[in-house]
Structure formats: C-alpha cells, structure tokens
Amino acid sequence: MADQHHSDHVHGSMDIRAHERTFAGFVRMTVWVTCIVIGILIFMALANS
C-alpha cells in the first residue's frame, strides 16, 4: 500500500481568504434568494385572495 502521508503540510498555514470570500458570497446569495422567494409567495397569496 502506498504511503499517503504528506509531510509538507503544516496545520494552520493554508491561506483561506478565497474560501472565506466564496462562503460569504454563498451566504449572501442564499439570503437574497430566500427573500425573493418569500416575496413571490406573499405576492401570490395576496393576488389570489
């Protein structure tokens, strides 16, 4: 079996700024989509009454 241990990696040394920006964008997009969907549902409920 091949040795899978990589000794070059130092725990905590990875630059995660791109990951944090991507996650922040994902959360922002999720909030916007949720608000739009709720707005559409409220409009549909009011327009049908």
C-alpha atoms as a PDB file:
ATOM      1  CA  MET A   1       0.000   0.000   0.000  1.00  0.00           C
ATOM      2  CA  ALA A   2       1.352   3.434  -0.920  1.00  0.00           C
ATOM      3  CA  ASP A   3       2.287   5.884   1.805  1.00  0.00           C
ATOM      4  CA  GLN A   4      -0.378   8.638   1.810  1.00  0.00           C
ATOM      5  CA  HIS A   5       1.292  10.818   4.465  1.00  0.00           C
ATOM      6  CA  HIS A   6       2.337  14.248   3.149  1.00  0.00           C
ATOM      7  CA  SER A   7       4.877  15.873   5.427  1.00  0.00           C
ATOM      8  CA  ASP A   8       4.942  19.202   3.509  1.00  0.00           C
ATOM      9  CA  HIS A   9       1.665  20.441   5.011  1.00  0.00           C
ATOM     10  CA  VAL A  10       1.821  22.459   8.215  1.00  0.00           C
ATOM     11  CA  HIS A  11      -1.523  22.587  10.011  1.00  0.00           C
ATOM     12  CA  GLY A  12      -2.953  26.113  10.058  1.00  0.00           C
ATOM     13  CA  SER A  13      -0.685  27.522   7.342  1.00  0.00           C
ATOM     14  CA  MET A  14      -3.134  27.477   4.416  1.00  0.00           C
ATOM     15  CA  ASP A  15      -4.369  30.821   3.084  1.00  0.00           C
ATOM     16  CA  ILE A  16      -8.171  30.567   3.294  1.00  0.00           C
ATOM     17  CA  ARG A  17      -9.175  34.085   2.227  1.00  0.00           C
ATOM     18  CA  ALA A  18     -10.584  32.846  -1.081  1.00  0.00           C
ATOM     19  CA  HIS A  19     -12.616  30.205   0.750  1.00  0.00           C
ATOM     20  CA  GLU A  20     -13.969  32.781   3.184  1.00  0.00           C
ATOM     21  CA  ARG A  21     -14.963  35.143   0.332  1.00  0.00           C
ATOM     22  CA  THR A  22     -16.677  32.302  -1.521  1.00  0.00           C
ATOM     23  CA  PHE A  23     -18.602  31.252   1.587  1.00  0.00           C
ATOM     24  CA  ALA A  24     -19.614  34.864   2.319  1.00  0.00           C
ATOM     25  CA  GLY A  25     -20.872  35.184  -1.266  1.00  0.00           C
ATOM     26  CA  PHE A  26     -22.795  31.940  -0.940  1.00  0.00           C
ATOM     27  CA  VAL A  27     -24.471  33.103   2.283  1.00  0.00           C
ATOM     28  CA  ARG A  28     -25.299  36.499   0.742  1.00  0.00           C
ATOM     29  CA  MET A  29     -26.806  34.834  -2.345  1.00  0.00           C
ATOM     30  CA  THR A  30     -28.810  32.419  -0.179  1.00  0.00           C
ATOM     31  CA  VAL A  31     -30.281  35.298   1.842  1.00  0.00           C
ATOM     32  CA  TRP A  32     -31.237  37.193  -1.344  1.00  0.00           C
ATOM     33  CA  VAL A  33     -32.851  34.151  -2.959  1.00  0.00           C
ATOM     34  CA  THR A  34     -34.757  33.342   0.229  1.00  0.00           C
ATOM     35  CA  CYS A  35     -36.095  36.902   0.453  1.00  0.00           C
ATOM     36  CA  ILE A  36     -37.120  36.893  -3.208  1.00  0.00           C
ATOM     37  CA  VAL A  37     -38.919  33.560  -2.827  1.00  0.00           C
ATOM     38  CA  ILE A  38     -40.758  34.772   0.287  1.00  0.00           C
ATOM     39  CA  GLY A  39     -41.719  37.966  -1.565  1.00  0.00           C
ATOM     40  CA  ILE A  40     -43.065  35.955  -4.500  1.00  0.00           C
ATOM     41  CA  LEU A  41     -45.061  33.706  -2.177  1.00  0.00           C
ATOM     42  CA  ILE A  42     -46.572  36.710  -0.366  1.00  0.00           C
ATOM     43  CA  PHE A  43     -47.459  38.324  -3.709  1.00  0.00           C
ATOM     44  CA  MET A  44     -49.082  35.095  -4.921  1.00  0.00           C
ATOM     45  CA  ALA A  45     -51.066  34.797  -1.689  1.00  0.00           C
ATOM     46  CA  LEU A  46     -52.301  38.421  -1.906  1.00  0.00           C
ATOM     47  CA  ALA A  47     -53.053  38.300  -5.628  1.00  0.00           C
ATOM     48  CA  ASN A  48     -55.155  35.186  -5.284  1.00  0.00           C
ATOM     49  CA  SER A  49     -57.358  36.468  -2.456  1.00  0.00           C
END
